[in-house]
C-alpha cells in the first residue's frame, strides 16, 4: 500500500529512489519503504520529450529533491534505486523501446553515489506492485472465481503495450516479463480482419501494440475514417492530430463524437481479445489486472461490456475465460509502487 506523505517531509523505513520510465512520461519517487508500506516523500512526472536523456532526467529530479531539502546518495541515506523501463533489460543496461533512451545502472549508481541500482522491465515492476494494491485502487470488470495461488496476468496499454505473468503466492511473486505486446495481432471478426489488412499495408507485420496502445487508438480512428465508417470533422481532426489518443478519448467520452466513439469501442474489443489470449496462455485464475495509463482514462468504455465480451469469446474455452477475475487498476503509479518494493528485496 502507499501511505500519505509525512508532513515532516521524512519517510520512514528504507530510503529508495524508484522510477517508471515510459515512452511518453517518466515518473520518479523518493520514498521510504517499511513492512510493505511505501511512504512517498517526493513525486515528479517529466515529459520524456522535454528531457535530453536519462542524465538530464535524474539531474532534474535531484534538483527537485534539493529544493525540498533532500539529497540523493548514500551520504543522505538513499542507497537503493529501482527503475522500471518500457523495454527489455539486459543485465545492467536497458533501452526504452519507444524513446530510444539507454540506461546504464552502473552509470546511475556512480553519478548519484547509490549502492544498488536495479533496472527492470516496467511491467515487471507493475506486477510486483499488484499484491500491495488496496480495493479502492481497483475496478472489477469480472468477478470470476478467484484462486489466489494461481497465475496472474498484468497487461496494460500506454505508449506501448506491456505484459507480465506472475506465478507463486502473492507474498512471494515470481514475475515473468517480456515483450508480449509485440506478439502478433489476431483479428477476431471481419472488421478486425479488414483492420489487419489496413495496418499490414502500412506497417508490414501487425503486432498487438499497433492496435492496443495510445498510437493504436489513433490508428483505429484513422482506419474508420479511411474506410468510410466514420466522418472526420475539421475541428476533431485538428485536435486529434495535436492531442493523439487523449484527444480521441476525450472526444469519444465527453463529446460523444461518433467516429471517436467507434474507435474507442473497437479498441475495447481488441484489448479484451488480446488480454483474453494472454489469460488463457497461463490460466490466469489468480486474476487479470489492466494497468497502464490508458485503462483509467477509458474506464467507462471498458466497463460497458465490449471488453469483457471479447475477453470471454474464446471457443472452446468461453466458460473457462469467465472464471478469470478481471480488475482495472485505477492508479497509474502501480509501476512506482512495485519498483519501490523491489528496491528493498535485495540487500544493498
Protein backbone atom coordinates (compact mmCIF):
# COMPACT_ATOMS: atom_id res chain seq x y z
CA UNK A 1 0.00 0.00 0.00
CA UNK A 2 1.00 3.66 -0.42
CA UNK A 3 0.97 5.81 2.69
CA UNK A 4 0.28 9.52 2.69
CA UNK A 5 3.37 11.75 2.73
CA UNK A 6 4.67 12.60 6.17
CA UNK A 7 4.04 16.32 6.92
CA UNK A 8 7.54 16.48 8.37
CA UNK A 9 8.97 15.76 4.93
CA UNK A 10 10.52 12.50 6.08
CA UNK A 11 9.53 8.99 5.02
CA UNK A 12 10.02 6.03 7.40
CA UNK A 13 11.94 2.87 6.59
CA UNK A 14 14.48 2.21 3.86
CA UNK A 15 15.03 5.25 1.65
CA UNK A 16 14.74 4.49 -2.08
CA UNK A 17 14.52 6.16 -5.46
CA UNK A 18 12.07 4.47 -7.79
CA UNK A 19 11.05 5.25 -11.32
CA UNK A 20 8.65 4.31 -14.08
CA UNK A 21 10.04 5.39 -17.44
CA UNK A 22 7.74 5.08 -20.43
CA UNK A 23 7.78 6.37 -23.95
CA UNK A 24 5.81 9.50 -23.03
CA UNK A 25 6.30 10.21 -19.32
CA UNK A 26 8.93 9.50 -16.68
CA UNK A 27 7.68 9.25 -13.08
CA UNK A 28 10.07 9.33 -10.14
CA UNK A 29 9.62 8.91 -6.40
CA UNK A 30 11.79 9.48 -3.36
CA UNK A 31 10.17 7.23 -0.79
CA UNK A 32 10.56 5.21 2.38
CA UNK A 33 9.62 1.54 2.46
CA UNK A 34 8.83 -0.34 5.66
CA UNK A 35 6.95 -3.64 6.08
CA UNK A 36 5.46 -3.47 2.60
CA UNK A 37 4.18 0.09 3.02
CA UNK A 38 5.55 2.80 0.76
CA UNK A 39 5.56 6.38 2.07
CA UNK A 40 6.10 8.82 -0.79
CA UNK A 41 8.28 11.76 0.11
CA UNK A 42 8.60 13.44 -3.26
CA UNK A 43 6.96 12.69 -6.62
CA UNK A 44 7.72 14.21 -10.00
CA UNK A 45 6.47 13.49 -13.53
CA UNK A 46 8.53 14.64 -16.52
CA UNK A 47 7.62 14.51 -20.23
CA UNK A 48 10.25 12.33 -21.88
CA UNK A 49 10.31 14.58 -24.95
CA UNK A 50 11.40 17.52 -22.77
CA UNK A 51 14.42 15.70 -21.30
CA UNK A 52 17.69 15.42 -23.20
CA UNK A 53 18.19 11.89 -21.86
CA UNK A 54 18.44 9.88 -18.61
CA UNK A 55 21.21 12.09 -17.19
CA UNK A 56 19.07 15.19 -17.68
CA UNK A 57 16.05 13.43 -16.15
CA UNK A 58 17.87 12.44 -12.96
CA UNK A 59 19.50 15.85 -12.68
CA UNK A 60 16.06 17.45 -12.77
CA UNK A 61 14.85 15.10 -10.06
CA UNK A 62 17.94 15.71 -7.94
CA UNK A 63 17.32 19.44 -8.21
CA UNK A 64 13.69 18.95 -7.13
CA UNK A 65 14.94 16.98 -4.12
CA UNK A 66 17.41 19.72 -3.22
CA UNK A 67 14.64 22.30 -3.39
CA UNK A 68 12.78 20.25 -0.78
CA UNK A 69 15.80 19.95 1.50
CA UNK A 70 16.80 16.44 0.50
CA UNK A 71 19.82 14.99 -1.23
CA UNK A 72 20.35 11.76 -3.11
CA UNK A 73 23.04 9.17 -2.49
CA UNK A 74 24.41 7.12 0.37
CA UNK A 75 25.52 10.20 2.33
CA UNK A 76 21.85 11.17 2.60
CA UNK A 77 20.76 7.62 3.44
CA UNK A 78 19.44 6.90 -0.06
CA UNK A 79 21.34 3.74 -1.02
CA UNK A 80 18.91 1.89 -3.28
CA UNK A 81 17.06 2.57 -6.50
CA UNK A 82 14.83 0.57 -8.82
CA UNK A 83 13.82 1.90 -12.22
CA UNK A 84 11.14 0.29 -14.35
CA UNK A 85 11.73 0.89 -18.06
CA UNK A 86 9.43 0.34 -21.02
CA UNK A 87 11.70 -2.05 -22.88
CA UNK A 88 13.85 -5.15 -22.49
CA UNK A 89 16.56 -5.19 -19.82
CA UNK A 90 19.93 -6.84 -20.46
CA UNK A 91 21.80 -7.20 -17.20
CA UNK A 92 22.54 -3.63 -16.06
CA UNK A 93 21.50 -1.90 -19.29
CA UNK A 94 18.14 -1.12 -20.82
CA UNK A 95 16.85 0.62 -23.94
CA UNK A 96 13.39 2.18 -23.96
CA UNK A 97 11.50 0.79 -26.94
CA UNK A 98 9.56 3.93 -27.83
CA UNK A 99 12.04 6.68 -26.99
CA UNK A 100 15.50 5.31 -27.74
CA UNK A 101 16.89 6.20 -24.30
CA UNK A 102 19.61 3.88 -22.97
CA UNK A 103 20.01 3.47 -19.21
CA UNK A 104 23.08 2.04 -17.52
CA UNK A 105 22.68 1.02 -13.87
CA UNK A 106 26.41 1.39 -13.13
CA UNK A 107 26.47 4.92 -14.55
CA UNK A 108 23.47 5.94 -12.44
CA UNK A 109 24.99 4.38 -9.32
CA UNK A 110 28.31 6.16 -9.79
CA UNK A 111 26.81 9.53 -10.70
CA UNK A 112 24.47 9.66 -7.70
CA UNK A 113 26.51 7.61 -5.17
CA UNK A 114 23.86 4.91 -4.83
CA UNK A 115 24.98 1.44 -3.72
CA UNK A 116 22.34 -0.57 -5.59
CA UNK A 117 20.57 0.39 -8.82
CA UNK A 118 18.20 -2.19 -10.27
CA UNK A 119 16.78 -1.88 -13.79
CA UNK A 120 13.66 -3.93 -14.58
CA UNK A 121 11.03 -4.04 -17.29
CA UNK A 122 8.23 -1.62 -16.41
CA UNK A 123 5.64 -4.39 -16.26
CA UNK A 124 7.88 -6.48 -14.04
CA UNK A 125 7.74 -3.53 -11.65
CA UNK A 126 3.97 -3.19 -12.07
CA UNK A 127 3.43 -6.90 -11.46
CA UNK A 128 5.38 -6.67 -8.20
CA UNK A 129 3.04 -3.93 -7.03
CA UNK A 130 -0.22 -5.83 -7.55
CA UNK A 131 -0.27 -7.53 -4.15
CA UNK A 132 0.11 -4.16 -2.40
CA UNK A 133 -2.94 -2.56 -4.03
CA UNK A 134 -5.97 -1.69 -1.96
CA UNK A 135 -9.55 -2.40 -3.02
CA UNK A 136 -10.15 1.31 -3.69
CA UNK A 137 -7.44 1.24 -6.37
CA UNK A 138 -9.23 -1.46 -8.38
CA UNK A 139 -12.37 -1.56 -10.51
CA UNK A 140 -13.87 -5.01 -11.03
CA UNK A 141 -14.79 -5.79 -14.63
CA UNK A 142 -15.41 -9.50 -13.99
CA UNK A 143 -15.60 -11.13 -10.56
CA UNK A 144 -14.77 -14.62 -11.84
CA UNK A 145 -13.77 -17.35 -9.41
CA UNK A 146 -10.50 -16.27 -7.77
CA UNK A 147 -7.73 -18.76 -6.97
CA UNK A 148 -5.16 -16.71 -5.01
CA UNK A 149 -2.29 -19.15 -5.61
CA UNK A 150 -2.91 -19.38 -9.38
CA UNK A 151 -1.03 -17.41 -12.06
CA UNK A 152 -1.87 -13.76 -12.59
CA UNK A 153 -1.63 -11.54 -15.64
CA UNK A 154 -0.73 -7.85 -15.71
CA UNK A 155 -1.36 -6.16 -19.04
CA UNK A 156 -1.63 -2.53 -19.93
CA UNK A 157 -1.73 -0.03 -22.75
CA UNK A 158 0.04 3.29 -22.78
CA UNK A 159 2.63 4.49 -25.25
CA UNK A 160 3.11 0.76 -25.89
CA UNK A 161 1.52 -2.50 -24.70
CA UNK A 162 3.09 -4.15 -21.65
CA UNK A 163 2.56 -7.70 -20.44
CA UNK A 164 3.87 -9.67 -17.46
CA UNK A 165 2.91 -13.01 -15.93
CA UNK A 166 3.03 -13.64 -12.19
CA UNK A 167 3.35 -17.06 -10.58
CA UNK A 168 3.65 -18.10 -6.96
CA UNK A 169 1.82 -16.77 -3.90
CA UNK A 170 1.03 -13.05 -3.69
CA UNK A 171 3.53 -12.59 -0.84
CA UNK A 172 6.41 -14.01 -2.89
CA UNK A 173 5.65 -13.33 -6.54
CA UNK A 174 7.84 -14.60 -9.36
CA UNK A 175 7.37 -12.30 -12.34
CA UNK A 176 7.97 -13.29 -15.94
CA UNK A 177 8.35 -10.10 -18.02
CA UNK A 178 8.80 -9.97 -21.77
CA UNK A 179 7.82 -8.19 -24.95
CA UNK A 180 4.49 -9.94 -25.49
CA UNK A 181 3.00 -6.66 -26.69
CA UNK A 182 4.85 -7.37 -29.92
CA UNK A 183 3.21 -10.78 -30.38
CA UNK A 184 1.03 -10.99 -33.48
CA UNK A 185 -2.42 -9.40 -33.54
CA UNK A 186 -5.14 -11.96 -34.31
CA UNK A 187 -8.33 -10.49 -35.84
CA UNK A 188 -11.45 -11.67 -34.01
CA UNK A 189 -14.06 -10.72 -36.64
CA UNK A 190 -14.47 -9.40 -40.19
CA UNK A 191 -13.95 -5.76 -39.16
CA UNK A 192 -10.72 -6.59 -37.36
CA UNK A 193 -9.59 -8.67 -40.34
CA UNK A 194 -10.01 -5.58 -42.53
CA UNK A 195 -8.15 -3.56 -39.90
CA UNK A 196 -5.31 -6.11 -40.01
CA UNK A 197 -5.06 -5.70 -43.79
CA UNK A 198 -5.11 -1.90 -43.46
CA UNK A 199 -2.27 -1.99 -40.93
CA UNK A 200 -0.30 -4.61 -42.84
CA UNK A 201 -0.21 -2.41 -45.92
CA UNK A 202 1.29 0.40 -43.84
CA UNK A 203 3.49 -1.39 -41.31
CA UNK A 204 4.17 -4.90 -42.54
CA UNK A 205 3.90 -7.38 -39.68
CA UNK A 206 0.93 -6.49 -37.46
CA UNK A 207 1.62 -6.92 -33.76
CA UNK A 208 -0.77 -6.24 -30.89
CA UNK A 209 0.87 -2.96 -29.87
CA UNK A 210 -0.01 -1.43 -33.24
CA UNK A 211 -3.66 -1.73 -32.17
CA UNK A 212 -3.70 -1.74 -28.35
CA UNK A 213 -1.73 1.38 -27.39
CA UNK A 214 -2.12 5.13 -27.45
CA UNK A 215 -0.89 5.37 -31.02
CA UNK A 216 -3.04 2.33 -31.77
CA UNK A 217 -6.21 4.15 -30.72
CA UNK A 218 -5.38 6.91 -33.19
CA UNK A 219 -4.75 4.28 -35.89
CA UNK A 220 -8.19 2.79 -35.24
CA UNK A 221 -9.80 6.20 -35.73
CA UNK A 222 -7.80 6.72 -38.93
CA UNK A 223 -8.88 3.28 -40.18
CA UNK A 224 -12.56 4.01 -39.54
CA UNK A 225 -12.30 7.35 -41.35
CA UNK A 226 -10.30 5.89 -44.26
CA UNK A 227 -12.84 3.12 -44.82
CA UNK A 228 -15.87 5.44 -44.63
CA UNK A 229 -17.13 4.08 -41.31
CA UNK A 230 -16.63 7.43 -39.59
CA UNK A 231 -16.55 11.02 -40.73
CA UNK A 232 -13.76 13.40 -39.87
CA UNK A 233 -14.81 16.85 -38.72
CA UNK A 234 -12.18 19.58 -39.23
CA UNK A 235 -12.12 20.56 -35.55
CA UNK A 236 -11.91 16.96 -34.35
CA UNK A 237 -9.28 16.15 -36.95
CA UNK A 238 -7.08 19.04 -35.83
CA UNK A 239 -7.49 18.15 -32.16
CA UNK A 240 -6.58 14.50 -32.75
CA UNK A 241 -3.56 15.41 -34.85
CA UNK A 242 -2.21 17.52 -32.00
CA UNK A 243 -3.54 15.58 -29.00
CA UNK A 244 -3.34 11.96 -30.12
CA UNK A 245 -5.04 9.26 -28.07
CA UNK A 246 -6.00 11.65 -25.27
CA UNK A 247 -7.98 13.72 -27.77
CA UNK A 248 -9.72 10.66 -29.21
CA UNK A 249 -10.70 9.54 -25.71
CA UNK A 250 -11.97 12.96 -24.69
CA UNK A 251 -13.98 13.46 -27.87
CA UNK A 252 -15.46 9.99 -27.52
CA UNK A 253 -16.39 10.07 -23.85
CA UNK A 254 -17.08 13.76 -23.20
CA UNK A 255 -18.43 14.99 -26.52
CA UNK A 256 -19.78 11.70 -27.90
CA UNK A 257 -18.10 12.23 -31.25
CA UNK A 258 -19.39 9.25 -33.31
CA UNK A 259 -16.12 8.46 -35.06
CA UNK A 260 -14.04 8.68 -31.91
CA UNK A 261 -16.61 6.67 -30.00
CA UNK A 262 -16.47 3.94 -32.66
CA UNK A 263 -12.67 3.92 -32.38
CA UNK A 264 -12.81 3.58 -28.58
CA UNK A 265 -15.33 0.74 -28.81
CA UNK A 266 -13.15 -1.08 -31.35
CA UNK A 267 -10.16 -0.51 -29.08
CA UNK A 268 -12.04 -2.00 -26.11
CA UNK A 269 -12.90 -5.15 -28.06
CA UNK A 270 -9.36 -5.56 -29.40
CA UNK A 271 -7.90 -5.00 -25.92
CA UNK A 272 -10.30 -7.57 -24.47
CA UNK A 273 -9.38 -10.14 -27.11
CA UNK A 274 -5.63 -9.67 -26.55
CA UNK A 275 -5.99 -9.80 -22.76
CA UNK A 276 -8.10 -12.95 -23.03
CA UNK A 277 -5.46 -14.63 -25.18
CA UNK A 278 -2.75 -13.97 -22.60
CA UNK A 279 -5.02 -15.02 -19.74
CA UNK A 280 -5.60 -18.37 -21.44
CA UNK A 281 -1.87 -18.77 -22.04
CA UNK A 282 -1.21 -19.08 -18.29
CA UNK A 283 -4.74 -19.92 -17.00
CA UNK A 284 -4.80 -16.68 -15.02
CA UNK A 285 -7.25 -17.80 -12.34
CA UNK A 286 -5.37 -15.64 -9.86
CA UNK A 287 -6.58 -12.54 -11.67
CA UNK A 288 -6.09 -10.30 -14.68
CA UNK A 289 -5.06 -6.71 -13.98
CA UNK A 290 -5.39 -3.95 -16.56
CA UNK A 291 -2.65 -1.44 -15.80
CA UNK A 292 -1.03 1.35 -17.81
CA UNK A 293 -2.09 4.89 -18.50
CA UNK A 294 -5.00 4.29 -20.87
CA UNK A 295 -7.23 1.95 -18.87
CA UNK A 296 -8.26 4.50 -16.18
CA UNK A 297 -8.99 7.13 -18.84
CA UNK A 298 -11.17 4.70 -20.82
CA UNK A 299 -12.86 3.07 -17.82
CA UNK A 300 -16.45 4.00 -18.88
CA UNK A 301 -15.95 2.37 -22.29
CA UNK A 302 -14.12 -0.67 -20.93
CA UNK A 303 -16.88 -1.20 -18.35
CA UNK A 304 -19.71 -1.17 -20.91
CA UNK A 305 -19.27 -4.80 -21.87
CA UNK A 306 -17.38 -4.90 -25.15
CA UNK A 307 -14.06 -5.57 -23.45
CA UNK A 308 -15.37 -8.49 -21.36
CA UNK A 309 -17.39 -9.92 -24.25
CA UNK A 310 -14.21 -10.09 -26.35
CA UNK A 311 -12.21 -11.38 -23.36
CA UNK A 312 -14.63 -14.31 -22.97
CA UNK A 313 -15.01 -15.07 -26.68
CA UNK A 314 -12.50 -17.95 -26.69
CA UNK A 315 -14.24 -21.06 -28.02
CA UNK A 316 -13.99 -23.79 -26.88
CA UNK A 317 -12.96 -22.10 -23.61
CA UNK A 318 -15.58 -19.37 -23.15
CA UNK A 319 -16.70 -20.84 -19.82
CA UNK A 320 -13.10 -21.02 -18.62
CA UNK A 321 -12.45 -17.38 -19.56
CA UNK A 322 -15.48 -16.38 -17.45
CA UNK A 323 -13.72 -17.79 -14.37
CA UNK A 324 -10.79 -15.36 -14.55
CA UNK A 325 -11.18 -12.32 -12.25
CA UNK A 326 -10.55 -9.13 -14.22
CA UNK A 327 -9.71 -5.84 -12.50
CA UNK A 328 -8.82 -2.42 -13.84
CA UNK A 329 -6.08 -0.66 -11.87
CA UNK A 330 -7.21 2.92 -11.30
CA UNK A 331 -3.82 4.16 -10.04
CA UNK A 332 -1.27 4.92 -12.78
CA UNK A 333 1.51 4.73 -10.15
CA UNK A 334 1.42 0.93 -9.92
CA UNK A 335 4.85 0.64 -11.54
CA UNK A 336 6.35 3.00 -8.98
CA UNK A 337 4.81 1.03 -6.13
CA UNK A 338 6.29 -2.21 -7.45
CA UNK A 339 9.68 -0.59 -8.07
CA UNK A 340 9.77 0.70 -4.50
CA UNK A 341 9.10 -2.78 -3.14
CA UNK A 342 11.65 -4.39 -5.47
CA UNK A 343 14.32 -1.92 -4.38
CA UNK A 344 14.18 -3.27 -0.81
CA UNK A 345 14.14 -7.01 -1.56
CA UNK A 346 17.84 -7.36 -2.39
CA UNK A 347 20.36 -6.35 0.28
CA UNK A 348 22.35 -3.28 -0.69
